Protein backbone atom coordinates (compact mmCIF):
# COMPACT_ATOMS: atom_id res chain seq x y z
CA UNK A 1 0.00 0.00 0.00
CA UNK A 2 1.19 3.51 -0.87
CA UNK A 3 0.50 6.52 1.37
CA UNK A 4 0.46 9.72 -0.69
CA UNK A 5 0.84 12.92 1.34
CA UNK A 6 0.04 16.33 -0.19
CA UNK A 7 0.96 19.51 1.65
CA UNK A 8 -0.82 22.85 1.71
CA UNK A 9 0.75 24.24 -1.46
CA UNK A 10 -0.18 21.04 -3.32
CA UNK A 11 -3.89 21.64 -2.67
CA UNK A 12 -3.97 25.45 -2.58
CA UNK A 13 -5.31 26.22 -6.07
CA UNK A 14 -7.37 24.70 -8.87
CA UNK A 15 -4.22 24.07 -10.90
CA UNK A 16 -2.51 22.39 -7.95
CA UNK A 17 -5.55 20.20 -7.31
CA UNK A 18 -5.55 19.14 -10.95
CA UNK A 19 -1.95 18.02 -10.52
CA UNK A 20 -2.94 16.04 -7.43
CA UNK A 21 -5.62 14.27 -9.45
CA UNK A 22 -3.12 13.38 -12.16
CA UNK A 23 -0.59 12.04 -9.65
CA UNK A 24 -3.14 9.96 -7.77
CA UNK A 25 -4.69 8.67 -10.99
CA UNK A 26 -1.31 7.56 -12.31
CA UNK A 27 -0.58 5.50 -9.19
CA UNK A 28 -2.44 2.22 -9.59
CA UNK A 29 -1.24 0.45 -6.46
CA UNK A 30 -3.54 0.41 -3.41
CA UNK A 31 -3.21 3.90 -1.93
CA UNK A 32 -4.29 6.18 0.88
CA UNK A 33 -4.27 9.97 0.51
CA UNK A 34 -3.39 12.33 3.37
CA UNK A 35 -3.74 16.07 2.81
CA UNK A 36 -2.91 19.23 4.69
CA UNK A 37 -5.18 22.25 4.88
CA UNK A 38 -5.09 24.56 1.87
CA UNK A 39 -2.03 26.80 1.94
CA UNK A 40 -2.43 29.56 4.53
CA UNK A 41 -5.64 28.21 6.05
CA UNK A 42 -4.15 26.94 9.33
CA UNK A 43 -2.59 30.33 10.04
CA UNK A 44 -5.87 32.06 9.18
CA UNK A 45 -7.79 29.80 11.57
CA UNK A 46 -5.30 30.43 14.37
CA UNK A 47 -5.59 34.17 13.80
CA UNK A 48 -9.38 34.17 13.83
CA UNK A 49 -9.36 32.14 17.06
CA UNK A 50 -7.23 34.90 18.58
CA UNK A 51 -9.63 37.53 17.27
CA UNK A 52 -12.53 35.69 18.88
CA UNK A 53 -10.72 35.50 22.22
CA UNK A 54 -10.13 39.25 21.97
CA UNK A 55 -13.89 39.70 21.49
CA UNK A 56 -13.46 40.91 17.91
CA UNK A 57 -16.19 38.57 16.75
CA UNK A 58 -17.04 40.62 13.66
CA UNK A 59 -13.53 40.34 12.23
CA UNK A 60 -13.31 36.67 13.17
CA UNK A 61 -16.58 35.87 11.38
CA UNK A 62 -15.45 37.83 8.33
CA UNK A 63 -12.37 35.61 8.23
CA UNK A 64 -14.59 32.51 8.47
CA UNK A 65 -16.64 33.74 5.51
CA UNK A 66 -13.49 34.36 3.49
CA UNK A 67 -12.34 30.77 4.14
CA UNK A 68 -15.78 29.43 3.25
CA UNK A 69 -15.76 31.36 -0.02
CA UNK A 70 -12.26 30.15 -0.91
CA UNK A 71 -13.23 26.50 -0.45
CA UNK A 72 -16.54 26.99 -2.25
CA UNK A 73 -14.71 28.46 -5.24
CA UNK A 74 -12.49 25.38 -5.49
CA UNK A 75 -15.54 23.14 -5.15
CA UNK A 76 -16.63 24.40 -8.56
CA UNK A 77 -13.98 22.08 -10.04
CA UNK A 78 -16.47 19.26 -9.37
CA UNK A 79 -18.47 18.91 -12.56
CA UNK A 80 -21.28 16.67 -11.33
CA UNK A 81 -24.00 18.95 -9.94
CA UNK A 82 -25.30 16.51 -7.32
CA UNK A 83 -21.79 15.80 -6.07
CA UNK A 84 -20.93 19.49 -6.04
CA UNK A 85 -24.03 20.44 -4.07
CA UNK A 86 -23.37 17.70 -1.53
CA UNK A 87 -19.78 18.89 -1.15
CA UNK A 88 -20.84 22.49 -0.66
CA UNK A 89 -23.40 21.45 1.95
CA UNK A 90 -20.75 19.55 3.92
CA UNK A 91 -18.31 22.45 3.67
CA UNK A 92 -20.92 24.99 4.74
CA UNK A 93 -21.86 22.86 7.75
CA UNK A 94 -18.23 22.80 8.83
CA UNK A 95 -17.82 26.57 8.55
CA UNK A 96 -21.05 27.08 10.51
CA UNK A 97 -19.50 24.98 13.27
CA UNK A 98 -16.44 27.23 13.20
CA UNK A 99 -18.71 30.27 13.46
CA UNK A 100 -20.41 28.79 16.50
CA UNK A 101 -17.04 28.20 18.16
CA UNK A 102 -16.00 31.77 17.36
CA UNK A 103 -19.18 33.11 18.96
CA UNK A 104 -18.68 31.02 22.10
CA UNK A 105 -15.04 32.07 22.41
CA UNK A 106 -16.00 35.71 22.01
CA UNK A 107 -18.59 35.45 24.77
CA UNK A 108 -16.09 33.76 27.08
CA UNK A 109 -13.28 36.20 26.16
CA UNK A 110 -11.04 33.15 25.75
CA UNK A 111 -10.26 30.43 23.26
CA UNK A 112 -9.17 27.37 25.18
CA UNK A 113 -6.68 24.90 23.68
CA UNK A 114 -9.58 22.48 23.13
CA UNK A 115 -11.63 25.15 21.35
CA UNK A 116 -8.62 26.18 19.28
CA UNK A 117 -8.13 22.58 18.18
CA UNK A 118 -11.79 22.31 17.22
CA UNK A 119 -11.48 25.47 15.11
CA UNK A 120 -8.11 24.75 13.49
CA UNK A 121 -9.04 21.13 12.63
CA UNK A 122 -11.54 22.42 10.10
CA UNK A 123 -8.72 23.29 7.72
CA UNK A 124 -7.87 19.64 7.16
CA UNK A 125 -11.46 18.44 7.44
CA UNK A 126 -12.47 20.83 4.66
CA UNK A 127 -9.47 20.17 2.40
CA UNK A 128 -9.84 16.39 2.66
CA UNK A 129 -13.54 16.56 1.77
CA UNK A 130 -12.70 18.81 -1.14
CA UNK A 131 -9.92 16.57 -2.44
CA UNK A 132 -12.03 13.41 -2.09
CA UNK A 133 -14.85 14.94 -4.14
CA UNK A 134 -12.49 16.29 -6.81
CA UNK A 135 -10.75 12.92 -7.11
CA UNK A 136 -14.10 11.12 -7.48
CA UNK A 137 -15.11 13.58 -10.17
CA UNK A 138 -11.84 12.77 -11.96
CA UNK A 139 -12.62 9.05 -11.94
CA UNK A 140 -10.67 7.97 -8.85
CA UNK A 141 -12.78 5.83 -6.44
CA UNK A 142 -11.99 8.15 -3.53
CA UNK A 143 -13.84 8.08 -0.22
CA UNK A 144 -13.57 10.71 2.49
CA UNK A 145 -12.62 9.44 5.95
CA UNK A 146 -12.89 11.62 9.04
CA UNK A 147 -9.38 11.49 10.53
CA UNK A 148 -10.90 11.96 13.99
CA UNK A 149 -12.27 8.43 13.63
CA UNK A 150 -8.82 7.06 12.81
CA UNK A 151 -6.07 8.85 14.72
CA UNK A 152 -6.63 8.30 18.44
CA UNK A 153 -4.57 10.62 20.60
CA UNK A 154 -3.84 11.62 24.16
CA UNK A 155 -5.44 14.76 25.61
CA UNK A 156 -2.63 17.24 24.99
CA UNK A 157 -4.49 19.79 22.90
CA UNK A 158 -2.51 21.58 20.19
CA UNK A 159 0.30 19.04 20.41
CA UNK A 160 -1.37 15.67 20.90
CA UNK A 161 0.44 12.38 20.40
CA UNK A 162 -1.23 9.47 18.59
CA UNK A 163 -1.83 6.32 20.63
CA UNK A 164 -0.29 3.64 18.43
CA UNK A 165 -2.36 0.61 19.40
CA UNK A 166 -5.71 2.39 19.44
CA UNK A 167 -4.96 4.13 16.14
CA UNK A 168 -3.92 0.84 14.54
CA UNK A 169 -7.23 -0.69 15.64
CA UNK A 170 -9.15 2.20 14.09
CA UNK A 171 -7.15 1.98 10.88
CA UNK A 172 -8.02 -1.71 10.63
CA UNK A 173 -11.71 -0.92 11.15
CA UNK A 174 -12.11 2.17 8.96
CA UNK A 175 -9.34 2.43 6.36
CA UNK A 176 -8.22 -1.12 5.59
CA UNK A 177 -11.68 -2.32 4.44
CA UNK A 178 -11.88 0.58 1.97
CA UNK A 179 -8.45 -0.21 0.53
CA UNK A 180 -9.32 -3.92 0.33
CA UNK A 181 -12.34 -3.22 -1.85
CA UNK A 182 -10.43 -0.91 -4.17
CA UNK A 183 -11.43 2.49 -2.79
CA UNK A 184 -8.96 5.29 -2.18
CA UNK A 185 -9.40 6.71 1.35
CA UNK A 186 -8.75 10.44 1.72
CA UNK A 187 -7.97 11.80 5.18
CA UNK A 188 -6.90 15.12 6.58
CA UNK A 189 -3.56 15.11 8.34
CA UNK A 190 -2.80 16.94 11.59
CA UNK A 191 -6.18 16.04 13.11
CA UNK A 192 -7.16 13.36 15.60
CA UNK A 193 -9.42 12.84 18.58
CA UNK A 194 -9.23 11.44 22.07
CA UNK A 195 -10.72 8.04 22.83
CA UNK A 196 -13.97 9.76 23.81
CA UNK A 197 -14.12 11.77 20.59
CA UNK A 198 -12.78 15.20 21.54
CA UNK A 199 -10.99 16.83 18.58
CA UNK A 200 -7.22 17.28 18.90
CA UNK A 201 -4.38 18.42 16.66
CA UNK A 202 -0.84 17.08 16.44
CA UNK A 203 1.06 20.36 16.25
CA UNK A 204 2.76 22.01 13.28
CA UNK A 205 4.06 19.42 10.85
CA UNK A 206 1.42 17.06 12.17
CA UNK A 207 0.16 16.10 8.71
CA UNK A 208 3.45 14.36 8.00
CA UNK A 209 3.05 12.55 11.32
CA UNK A 210 -0.46 11.48 10.29
CA UNK A 211 0.82 10.08 7.01
CA UNK A 212 3.60 8.19 8.76
């Protein structure tokens, strides 16, 4: 099995995403795709979390809308209308969740490490959904997998460590069956969750760790 990892610059634009499709399509061995957030998105999410904690909710929500619009623009690569609408609905739901977290952080005048992880994780959750849909539209049998259901971590928010045995069990349950039937799983890097399902992140460079 081949694990193909694409960083933020590799998924940042329509042209870059087209290159990803060509690379993945050319590789015919069983493969799993791990992607980072679109270039610049993680920094933008960290900044808007800080804005929310400073009670600048208006600016934070403007930043959320800008990220939503950027992802929606790239979703137009998907030619199938039904697939494109489903993708946009999933993306919009994710950005609404970010908006809710921004509002809560603004009210509390603080963005806890757990809340920051929940906000920042949406970069990889959105990019992986986007890449999975674009690959399917290009003829690759891609399937999106929520990395939070695969990478089980400890509770150290913003710099969590994967728990090897628990993560291996989840890989066997969620990813291996897809590969065995010829699908191409697509996961976001950097993101995981505790055993009881609380979102965590692995720290900067964590997408490479996820792929490993």
